[in-house]
Amino acid sequence: MINVSIQELKSGFAAWAGKAAAGETIQVTRHNRPYVLLTGCTPASVYRGSRVGLGELKPALKGPTKGRWRCVLDEDREER
Protein backbone atom coordinates (compact mmCIF):
# COMPACT_ATOMS: atom_id res chain seq x y z
CA MET A 1 0.00 0.00 0.00
CA ILE A 2 1.23 3.45 -0.93
CA ASN A 3 0.61 6.46 1.35
CA VAL A 4 0.14 9.83 -0.31
CA SER A 5 -1.07 13.16 1.01
CA ILE A 6 -4.18 14.73 -0.40
CA GLN A 7 -2.10 17.60 -1.80
CA GLU A 8 0.12 15.16 -3.72
CA LEU A 9 -2.98 13.39 -5.00
CA LYS A 10 -4.49 16.65 -6.23
CA SER A 11 -1.33 17.71 -8.04
CA GLY A 12 -0.79 14.40 -9.84
CA PHE A 13 -4.20 12.72 -9.89
CA ALA A 14 -3.85 11.12 -13.33
CA ALA A 15 -0.64 9.33 -12.36
CA TRP A 16 -2.09 8.11 -9.05
CA ALA A 17 -5.30 6.98 -10.73
CA GLY A 18 -3.22 5.04 -13.25
CA LYS A 19 -1.36 3.27 -10.48
CA ALA A 20 -4.64 2.39 -8.77
CA ALA A 21 -6.05 1.05 -12.03
CA ALA A 22 -2.93 -1.08 -12.42
CA GLY A 23 -3.67 -2.80 -9.11
CA GLU A 24 -1.93 -0.68 -6.48
CA THR A 25 -3.81 0.34 -3.34
CA ILE A 26 -3.25 3.97 -2.44
CA GLN A 27 -4.08 5.37 0.98
CA VAL A 28 -4.72 9.10 0.88
CA THR A 29 -3.94 10.95 4.09
CA ARG A 30 -5.18 14.26 5.41
CA HIS A 31 -3.20 15.83 8.23
CA ASN A 32 -1.17 12.58 8.42
CA ARG A 33 -4.30 10.51 9.13
CA PRO A 34 -5.94 8.00 6.77
CA TYR A 35 -8.66 9.74 4.79
CA VAL A 36 -9.49 7.79 1.60
CA LEU A 37 -8.47 4.46 0.10
CA LEU A 38 -7.99 4.56 -3.69
CA THR A 39 -8.19 1.25 -5.54
CA GLY A 40 -8.94 0.09 -9.06
CA CYS A 41 -12.24 -1.47 -10.01
CA THR A 42 -13.04 -4.60 -11.95
CA PRO A 43 -14.98 -4.21 -15.19
CA ALA A 44 -18.59 -5.31 -15.13
CA SER A 45 -19.14 -8.72 -16.60
CA VAL A 46 -20.81 -8.84 -19.97
CA TYR A 47 -22.76 -11.85 -21.15
CA ARG A 48 -22.64 -12.51 -24.85
CA GLY A 49 -24.83 -15.29 -26.10
CA SER A 50 -24.00 -17.73 -28.87
CA ARG A 51 -26.12 -15.75 -31.35
CA VAL A 52 -24.52 -12.35 -30.85
CA GLY A 53 -24.10 -10.53 -34.18
CA LEU A 54 -26.17 -13.07 -36.11
CA GLY A 55 -29.49 -11.23 -36.04
CA GLU A 56 -30.94 -9.74 -39.18
CA LEU A 57 -31.14 -5.97 -39.51
CA LYS A 58 -34.60 -4.58 -40.12
CA PRO A 59 -35.24 -0.94 -40.99
CA ALA A 60 -37.40 1.12 -38.66
CA LEU A 61 -38.26 3.55 -41.47
CA LYS A 62 -38.44 2.24 -45.03
CA GLY A 63 -39.50 5.35 -46.90
CA PRO A 64 -37.23 8.30 -46.06
CA THR A 65 -33.86 6.51 -46.18
CA LYS A 66 -34.68 4.00 -48.92
CA GLY A 67 -32.44 1.46 -47.19
CA ARG A 68 -29.12 3.31 -47.68
CA TRP A 69 -28.31 3.09 -43.97
CA ARG A 70 -28.39 -0.68 -44.20
CA CYS A 71 -25.32 -0.86 -46.48
CA VAL A 72 -23.21 0.82 -43.82
CA LEU A 73 -24.44 -1.44 -41.04
CA ASP A 74 -24.06 -4.59 -43.17
CA GLU A 75 -20.41 -3.66 -43.89
CA ASP A 76 -19.80 -3.37 -40.17
CA ARG A 77 -21.06 -6.93 -39.61
CA GLU A 78 -18.87 -8.52 -42.30
CA GLU A 79 -16.31 -11.10 -41.19
CA ARG A 80 -12.76 -9.79 -41.00
PDB file of N, CA and C in Angstrom:
ATOM      1  N   MET A   1       0.840  -1.169   0.000  1.00  0.00           N
ATOM      2  CA  MET A   1       0.000   0.000   0.000  1.00  0.00           C
ATOM      3  C   MET A   1       0.890   1.238   0.000  1.00  0.00           C
ATOM      4  N   ILE A   2       0.495   2.198  -0.809  1.00  0.00           N
ATOM      5  CA  ILE A   2       1.232   3.447  -0.926  1.00  0.00           C
ATOM      6  C   ILE A   2       0.488   4.535  -0.154  1.00  0.00           C
ATOM      7  N   ASN A   3       1.202   5.318   0.648  1.00  0.00           N
ATOM      8  CA  ASN A   3       0.610   6.458   1.354  1.00  0.00           C
ATOM      9  C   ASN A   3       0.949   7.732   0.598  1.00  0.00           C
ATOM     10  N   VAL A   4      -0.059   8.566   0.394  1.00  0.00           N
ATOM     11  CA  VAL A   4       0.138   9.825  -0.313  1.00  0.00           C
ATOM     12  C   VAL A   4      -0.763  10.877   0.336  1.00  0.00           C
ATOM     13  N   SER A   5      -0.255  12.093   0.430  1.00  0.00           N
ATOM     14  CA  SER A   5      -1.073  13.162   1.010  1.00  0.00           C
ATOM     15  C   SER A   5      -2.108  13.623  -0.009  1.00  0.00           C
ATOM     16  N   ILE A   6      -3.132  14.266   0.495  1.00  0.00           N
ATOM     17  CA  ILE A   6      -4.185  14.727  -0.399  1.00  0.00           C
ATOM     18  C   ILE A   6      -3.672  15.802  -1.354  1.00  0.00           C
ATOM     19  N   GLN A   7      -2.687  16.587  -0.926  1.00  0.00           N
ATOM     20  CA  GLN A   7      -2.096  17.603  -1.796  1.00  0.00           C
ATOM     21  C   GLN A   7      -1.337  16.955  -2.956  1.00  0.00           C
ATOM     22  N   GLU A   8      -0.593  15.881  -2.663  1.00  0.00           N
ATOM     23  CA  GLU A   8       0.117  15.163  -3.723  1.00  0.00           C
ATOM     24  C   GLU A   8      -0.871  14.531  -4.700  1.00  0.00           C
ATOM     25  N   LEU A   9      -1.963  14.001  -4.149  1.00  0.00           N
ATOM     26  CA  LEU A   9      -2.980  13.390  -4.998  1.00  0.00           C
ATOM     27  C   LEU A   9      -3.594  14.420  -5.933  1.00  0.00           C
ATOM     28  N   LYS A  10      -3.888  15.596  -5.412  1.00  0.00           N
ATOM     29  CA  LYS A  10      -4.487  16.646  -6.228  1.00  0.00           C
ATOM     30  C   LYS A  10      -3.543  17.111  -7.335  1.00  0.00           C
ATOM     31  N   SER A  11      -2.265  17.185  -7.044  1.00  0.00           N
ATOM     32  CA  SER A  11      -1.326  17.708  -8.040  1.00  0.00           C
ATOM     33  C   SER A  11      -1.000  16.687  -9.127  1.00  0.00           C
ATOM     34  N   GLY A  12      -1.110  15.405  -8.837  1.00  0.00           N
ATOM     35  CA  GLY A  12      -0.789  14.398  -9.844  1.00  0.00           C
ATOM     36  C   GLY A  12      -1.829  13.294  -9.911  1.00  0.00           C
ATOM     37  N   PHE A  13      -3.119  13.691  -9.974  1.00  0.00           N
ATOM     38  CA  PHE A  13      -4.201  12.720  -9.888  1.00  0.00           C
ATOM     39  C   PHE A  13      -4.146  11.672 -10.991  1.00  0.00           C
ATOM     40  N   ALA A  14      -3.848  12.071 -12.211  1.00  0.00           N
ATOM     41  CA  ALA A  14      -3.851  11.118 -13.329  1.00  0.00           C
ATOM     42  C   ALA A  14      -2.837   9.999 -13.095  1.00  0.00           C
ATOM     43  N   ALA A  15      -1.671  10.341 -12.608  1.00  0.00           N
ATOM     44  CA  ALA A  15      -0.643   9.330 -12.356  1.00  0.00           C
ATOM     45  C   ALA A  15      -1.068   8.393 -11.231  1.00  0.00           C
ATOM     46  N   TRP A  16      -1.645   8.951 -10.173  1.00  0.00           N
ATOM     47  CA  TRP A  16      -2.090   8.108  -9.052  1.00  0.00           C
ATOM     48  C   TRP A  16      -3.263   7.233  -9.458  1.00  0.00           C
ATOM     49  N   ALA A  17      -4.172   7.769 -10.252  1.00  0.00           N
ATOM     50  CA  ALA A  17      -5.303   6.977 -10.725  1.00  0.00           C
ATOM     51  C   ALA A  17      -4.818   5.835 -11.621  1.00  0.00           C
ATOM     52  N   GLY A  18      -3.799   6.091 -12.413  1.00  0.00           N
ATOM     53  CA  GLY A  18      -3.222   5.041 -13.249  1.00  0.00           C
ATOM     54  C   GLY A  18      -2.613   3.921 -12.428  1.00  0.00           C
ATOM     55  N   LYS A  19      -1.936   4.294 -11.359  1.00  0.00           N
ATOM     56  CA  LYS A  19      -1.356   3.272 -10.478  1.00  0.00           C
ATOM     57  C   LYS A  19      -2.452   2.448  -9.809  1.00  0.00           C
ATOM     58  N   ALA A  20      -3.534   3.110  -9.393  1.00  0.00           N
ATOM     59  CA  ALA A  20      -4.643   2.394  -8.767  1.00  0.00           C
ATOM     60  C   ALA A  20      -5.307   1.452  -9.769  1.00  0.00           C
ATOM     61  N   ALA A  21      -5.455   1.897 -10.997  1.00  0.00           N
ATOM     62  CA  ALA A  21      -6.050   1.051 -12.031  1.00  0.00           C
ATOM     63  C   ALA A  21      -5.169  -0.145 -12.343  1.00  0.00           C
ATOM     64  N   ALA A  22      -3.867   0.012 -12.156  1.00  0.00           N
ATOM     65  CA  ALA A  22      -2.925  -1.079 -12.418  1.00  0.00           C
ATOM     66  C   ALA A  22      -2.887  -2.101 -11.282  1.00  0.00           C
ATOM     67  N   GLY A  23      -3.596  -1.822 -10.188  1.00  0.00           N
ATOM     68  CA  GLY A  23      -3.672  -2.796  -9.106  1.00  0.00           C
ATOM     69  C   GLY A  23      -3.097  -2.345  -7.778  1.00  0.00           C
ATOM     70  N   GLU A  24      -2.469  -1.193  -7.748  1.00  0.00           N
ATOM     71  CA  GLU A  24      -1.929  -0.675  -6.484  1.00  0.00           C
ATOM     72  C   GLU A  24      -3.065  -0.177  -5.589  1.00  0.00           C
ATOM     73  N   THR A  25      -2.878  -0.253  -4.295  1.00  0.00           N
ATOM     74  CA  THR A  25      -3.805   0.338  -3.339  1.00  0.00           C
ATOM     75  C   THR A  25      -3.133   1.577  -2.769  1.00  0.00           C
ATOM     76  N   ILE A  26      -3.822   2.696  -2.851  1.00  0.00           N
ATOM     77  CA  ILE A  26      -3.251   3.973  -2.444  1.00  0.00           C
ATOM     78  C   ILE A  26      -4.078   4.532  -1.293  1.00  0.00           C
ATOM     79  N   GLN A  27      -3.408   4.780  -0.178  1.00  0.00           N
ATOM     80  CA  GLN A  27      -4.076   5.372   0.980  1.00  0.00           C
ATOM     81  C   GLN A  27      -3.790   6.863   0.977  1.00  0.00           C
ATOM     82  N   VAL A  28      -4.844   7.646   0.889  1.00  0.00           N
ATOM     83  CA  VAL A  28      -4.717   9.101   0.876  1.00  0.00           C
ATOM     84  C   VAL A  28      -4.856   9.585   2.318  1.00  0.00           C
ATOM     85  N   THR A  29      -3.921  10.440   2.721  1.00  0.00           N
ATOM     86  CA  THR A  29      -3.938  10.952   4.090  1.00  0.00           C
ATOM     87  C   THR A  29      -4.267  12.435   4.093  1.00  0.00           C
ATOM     88  N   ARG A  30      -4.884  12.838   5.191  1.00  0.00           N
ATOM     89  CA  ARG A  30      -5.182  14.257   5.406  1.00  0.00           C
ATOM     90  C   ARG A  30      -4.731  14.574   6.816  1.00  0.00           C
ATOM     91  N   HIS A  31      -3.814  15.491   6.947  1.00  0.00           N
ATOM     92  CA  HIS A  31      -3.205  15.826   8.234  1.00  0.00           C
ATOM     93  C   HIS A  31      -2.565  14.578   8.858  1.00  0.00           C
ATOM     94  N   ASN A  32      -1.886  13.806   8.025  1.00  0.00           N
ATOM     95  CA  ASN A  32      -1.172  12.582   8.422  1.00  0.00           C
ATOM     96  C   ASN A  32      -2.082  11.504   9.020  1.00  0.00           C
ATOM     97  N   ARG A  33      -3.366  11.542   8.689  1.00  0.00           N
ATOM     98  CA  ARG A  33      -4.300  10.506   9.127  1.00  0.00           C
ATOM     99  C   ARG A  33      -4.973   9.906   7.896  1.00  0.00           C
ATOM    100  N   PRO A  34      -5.259   8.609   7.917  1.00  0.00           N
ATOM    101  CA  PRO A  34      -5.939   7.997   6.769  1.00  0.00           C
ATOM    102  C   PRO A  34      -7.251   8.707   6.467  1.00  0.00           C
ATOM    103  N   TYR A  35      -7.487   8.984   5.195  1.00  0.00           N
ATOM    104  CA  TYR A  35      -8.665   9.743   4.791  1.00  0.00           C
ATOM    105  C   TYR A  35      -9.486   8.971   3.761  1.00  0.00           C
ATOM    106  N   VAL A  36      -8.812   8.495   2.696  1.00  0.00           N
ATOM    107  CA  VAL A  36      -9.487   7.792   1.602  1.00  0.00           C
ATOM    108  C   VAL A  36      -8.591   6.666   1.132  1.00  0.00           C
ATOM    109  N   LEU A  37      -9.205   5.570   0.685  1.00  0.00           N
ATOM    110  CA  LEU A  37      -8.471   4.465   0.098  1.00  0.00           C
ATOM    111  C   LEU A  37      -8.807   4.425  -1.387  1.00  0.00           C
ATOM    112  N   LEU A  38      -7.805   4.520  -2.240  1.00  0.00           N
ATOM    113  CA  LEU A  38      -7.995   4.561  -3.687  1.00  0.00           C
ATOM    114  C   LEU A  38      -7.562   3.230  -4.273  1.00  0.00           C
ATOM    115  N   THR A  39      -8.490   2.537  -4.912  1.00  0.00           N
ATOM    116  CA  THR A  39      -8.190   1.253  -5.544  1.00  0.00           C
ATOM    117  C   THR A  39      -8.803   1.220  -6.929  1.00  0.00           C
ATOM    118  N   GLY A  40      -8.361   0.289  -7.733  1.00  0.00           N
ATOM    119  CA  GLY A  40      -8.940   0.093  -9.057  1.00  0.00           C
ATOM    120  C   GLY A  40     -10.237  -0.683  -8.949  1.00  0.00           C
ATOM    121  N   CYS A  41     -10.996  -0.708 -10.016  1.00  0.00           N
ATOM    122  CA  CYS A  41     -12.239  -1.471 -10.006  1.00  0.00           C
ATOM    123  C   CYS A  41     -12.176  -2.532 -11.106  1.00  0.00           C
ATOM    124  N   THR A  42     -12.971  -3.549 -10.939  1.00  0.00           N
ATOM    125  CA  THR A  42     -13.036  -4.602 -11.946  1.00  0.00           C
ATOM    126  C   THR A  42     -14.140  -4.256 -12.930  1.00  0.00           C
ATOM    127  N   PRO A  43     -13.935  -4.523 -14.206  1.00  0.00           N
ATOM    128  CA  PRO A  43     -14.979  -4.210 -15.186  1.00  0.00           C
ATOM    129  C   PRO A  43     -16.207  -5.088 -14.967  1.00  0.00           C
ATOM    130  N   ALA A  44     -17.354  -4.540 -15.270  1.00  0.00           N
ATOM    131  CA  ALA A  44     -18.595  -5.308 -15.135  1.00  0.00           C
ATOM    132  C   ALA A  44     -18.588  -6.462 -16.128  1.00  0.00           C
ATOM    133  N   SER A  45     -19.114  -7.568 -15.707  1.00  0.00           N
ATOM    134  CA  SER A  45     -19.143  -8.722 -16.596  1.00  0.00           C
ATOM    135  C   SER A  45     -20.206  -8.518 -17.664  1.00  0.00           C
ATOM    136  N   VAL A  46     -19.901  -8.972 -18.843  1.00  0.00           N
ATOM    137  CA  VAL A  46     -20.811  -8.845 -19.972  1.00  0.00           C
ATOM    138  C   VAL A  46     -21.107 -10.236 -20.488  1.00  0.00           C
ATOM    139  N   TYR A  47     -22.377 -10.561 -20.607  1.00  0.00           N
ATOM    140  CA  TYR A  47     -22.763 -11.854 -21.151  1.00  0.00           C
ATOM    141  C   TYR A  47     -23.043 -11.697 -22.629  1.00  0.00           C
ATOM    142  N   ARG A  48     -22.395 -12.503 -23.423  1.00  0.00           N
ATOM    143  CA  ARG A  48     -22.639 -12.509 -24.855  1.00  0.00           C
ATOM    144  C   ARG A  48     -23.083 -13.898 -25.243  1.00  0.00           C
ATOM    145  N   GLY A  49     -24.269 -14.006 -25.727  1.00  0.00           N
ATOM    146  CA  GLY A  49     -24.830 -15.293 -26.102  1.00  0.00           C
ATOM    147  C   GLY A  49     -24.193 -15.846 -27.364  1.00  0.00           C
ATOM    148  N   SER A  50     -24.575 -17.067 -27.702  1.00  0.00           N
ATOM    149  CA  SER A  50     -23.998 -17.729 -28.870  1.00  0.00           C
ATOM    150  C   SER A  50     -24.482 -17.113 -30.174  1.00  0.00           C
ATOM    151  N   ARG A  51     -25.568 -16.329 -30.129  1.00  0.00           N
ATOM    152  CA  ARG A  51     -26.117 -15.747 -31.353  1.00  0.00           C
ATOM    153  C   ARG A  51     -25.781 -14.268 -31.533  1.00  0.00           C
ATOM    154  N   VAL A  52     -24.855 -13.765 -30.756  1.00  0.00           N
ATOM    155  CA  VAL A  52     -24.523 -12.351 -30.852  1.00  0.00           C
ATOM    156  C   VAL A  52     -23.997 -12.019 -32.252  1.00  0.00           C
ATOM    157  N   GLY A  53     -24.521 -10.966 -32.853  1.00  0.00           N
ATOM    158  CA  GLY A  53     -24.103 -10.529 -34.177  1.00  0.00           C
ATOM    159  C   GLY A  53     -24.721 -11.309 -35.321  1.00  0.00           C
ATOM    160  N   LEU A  54     -25.585 -12.260 -35.047  1.00  0.00           N
ATOM    161  CA  LEU A  54     -26.166 -13.069 -36.112  1.00  0.00           C
ATOM    162  C   LEU A  54     -27.564 -12.608 -36.499  1.00  0.00           C
ATOM    163  N   GLY A  55     -28.133 -11.684 -35.755  1.00  0.00           N
ATOM    164  CA  GLY A  55     -29.490 -11.225 -36.044  1.00  0.00           C
ATOM    165  C   GLY A  55     -29.555 -10.454 -37.345  1.00  0.00           C
ATOM    166  N   GLU A  56     -30.733 -10.462 -37.929  1.00  0.00           N
ATOM    167  CA  GLU A  56     -30.942  -9.743 -39.184  1.00  0.00           C
ATOM    168  C   GLU A  56     -31.317  -8.295 -38.889  1.00  0.00           C
ATOM    169  N   LEU A  57     -30.809  -7.374 -39.687  1.00  0.00           N
ATOM    170  CA  LEU A  57     -31.142  -5.966 -39.511  1.00  0.00           C
ATOM    171  C   LEU A  57     -32.443  -5.652 -40.226  1.00  0.00           C
ATOM    172  N   LYS A  58     -33.324  -4.964 -39.535  1.00  0.00           N
ATOM    173  CA  LYS A  58     -34.602  -4.584 -40.118  1.00  0.00           C
ATOM    174  C   LYS A  58     -34.752  -3.074 -39.984  1.00  0.00           C
ATOM    175  N   PRO A  59     -35.111  -2.398 -41.056  1.00  0.00           N
ATOM    176  CA  PRO A  59     -35.237  -0.940 -40.991  1.00  0.00           C
ATOM    177  C   PRO A  59     -36.449  -0.514 -40.175  1.00  0.00           C
ATOM    178  N   ALA A  60     -36.279   0.559 -39.405  1.00  0.00           N
ATOM    179  CA  ALA A  60     -37.396   1.119 -38.657  1.00  0.00           C
ATOM    180  C   ALA A  60     -38.234   2.002 -39.572  1.00  0.00           C
ATOM    181  N   LEU A  61     -37.578   2.703 -40.495  1.00  0.00           N
ATOM    182  CA  LEU A  61     -38.256   3.552 -41.471  1.00  0.00           C
ATOM    183  C   LEU A  61     -37.841   3.119 -42.871  1.00  0.00           C
ATOM    184  N   LYS A  62     -38.785   2.706 -43.686  1.00  0.00           N
ATOM    185  CA  LYS A  62     -38.440   2.240 -45.026  1.00  0.00           C
ATOM    186  C   LYS A  62     -38.435   3.381 -46.033  1.00  0.00           C
ATOM    187  N   GLY A  63     -39.326   4.320 -45.896  1.00  0.00           N
ATOM    188  CA  GLY A  63     -39.498   5.350 -46.899  1.00  0.00           C
ATOM    189  C   GLY A  63     -38.394   6.392 -46.995  1.00  0.00           C
ATOM    190  N   PRO A  64     -38.142   7.163 -45.947  1.00  0.00           N
ATOM    191  CA  PRO A  64     -37.229   8.298 -46.060  1.00  0.00           C
ATOM    192  C   PRO A  64     -35.792   7.935 -46.418  1.00  0.00           C
ATOM    193  N   THR A  65     -35.258   6.825 -45.921  1.00  0.00           N
ATOM    194  CA  THR A  65     -33.860   6.505 -46.180  1.00  0.00           C
ATOM    195  C   THR A  65     -33.675   5.585 -47.373  1.00  0.00           C
ATOM    196  N   LYS A  66     -34.715   4.937 -47.798  1.00  0.00           N
ATOM    197  CA  LYS A  66     -34.681   3.999 -48.924  1.00  0.00           C
ATOM    198  C   LYS A  66     -33.629   2.908 -48.727  1.00  0.00           C
ATOM    199  N   GLY A  67     -33.339   2.575 -47.490  1.00  0.00           N
ATOM    200  CA  GLY A  67     -32.444   1.459 -47.191  1.00  0.00           C
ATOM    201  C   GLY A  67     -30.959   1.749 -47.290  1.00  0.00           C
ATOM    202  N   ARG A  68     -30.549   2.999 -47.541  1.00  0.00           N
ATOM    203  CA  ARG A  68     -29.119   3.306 -47.682  1.00  0.00           C
ATOM    204  C   ARG A  68     -28.351   3.091 -46.389  1.00  0.00           C
ATOM    205  N   TRP A  69     -28.974   3.279 -45.252  1.00  0.00           N
ATOM    206  CA  TRP A  69     -28.309   3.094 -43.967  1.00  0.00           C
ATOM    207  C   TRP A  69     -27.907   1.644 -43.776  1.00  0.00           C
ATOM    208  N   ARG A  70     -28.639   0.744 -44.404  1.00  0.00           N
ATOM    209  CA  ARG A  70     -28.388  -0.682 -44.197  1.00  0.00           C
ATOM    210  C   ARG A  70     -27.041  -1.114 -44.788  1.00  0.00           C
ATOM    211  N   CYS A  71     -26.625  -0.512 -45.871  1.00  0.00           N
ATOM    212  CA  CYS A  71     -25.324  -0.860 -46.479  1.00  0.00           C
ATOM    213  C   CYS A  71     -24.193  -0.613 -45.488  1.00  0.00           C
ATOM    214  N   VAL A  72     -24.255   0.489 -44.789  1.00  0.00           N
ATOM    215  CA  VAL A  72     -23.213   0.823 -43.820  1.00  0.00           C
ATOM    216  C   VAL A  72     -23.206  -0.176 -42.675  1.00  0.00           C
ATOM    217  N   LEU A  73     -24.375  -0.503 -42.154  1.00  0.00           N
ATOM    218  CA  LEU A  73     -24.440  -1.444 -41.045  1.00  0.00           C
ATOM    219  C   LEU A  73     -24.062  -2.871 -41.474  1.00  0.00           C
ATOM    220  N   ASP A  74     -24.437  -3.257 -42.689  1.00  0.00           N
ATOM    221  CA  ASP A  74     -24.059  -4.589 -43.166  1.00  0.00           C
ATOM    222  C   ASP A  74     -22.542  -4.710 -43.333  1.00  0.00           C
ATOM    223  N   GLU A  75     -21.880  -3.642 -43.775  1.00  0.00           N
ATOM    224  CA  GLU A  75     -20.408  -3.660 -43.890  1.00  0.00           C
ATOM    225  C   GLU A  75     -19.770  -3.845 -42.536  1.00  0.00           C
ATOM    226  N   ASP A  76     -20.351  -3.268 -41.516  1.00  0.00           N
ATOM    227  CA  ASP A  76     -19.799  -3.375 -40.167  1.00  0.00           C
ATOM    228  C   ASP A  76     -19.888  -4.804 -39.634  1.00  0.00           C
ATOM    229  N   ARG A  77     -20.861  -5.574 -40.091  1.00  0.00           N
ATOM    230  CA  ARG A  77     -21.057  -6.932 -39.611  1.00  0.00           C
ATOM    231  C   ARG A  77     -20.288  -7.966 -40.422  1.00  0.00           C
ATOM    232  N   GLU A  78     -19.611  -7.573 -41.480  1.00  0.00           N
ATOM    233  CA  GLU A  78     -18.869  -8.522 -42.303  1.00  0.00           C
ATOM    234  C   GLU A  78     -17.736  -9.167 -41.495  1.00  0.00           C
ATOM    235  N   GLU A  79     -17.424 -10.410 -41.828  1.00  0.00           N
ATOM    236  CA  GLU A  79     -16.305 -11.102 -41.186  1.00  0.00           C
ATOM    237  C   GLU A  79     -15.004 -10.453 -41.601  1.00  0.00           C
ATOM    238  N   ARG A  80     -14.066 -10.412 -40.687  1.00  0.00           N
ATOM    239  CA  ARG A  80     -12.757  -9.795 -40.998  1.00  0.00           C
ATOM    240  C   ARG A  80     -11.705 -10.846 -41.081  1.00  0.00           C
TER     241      ARG A  80
END
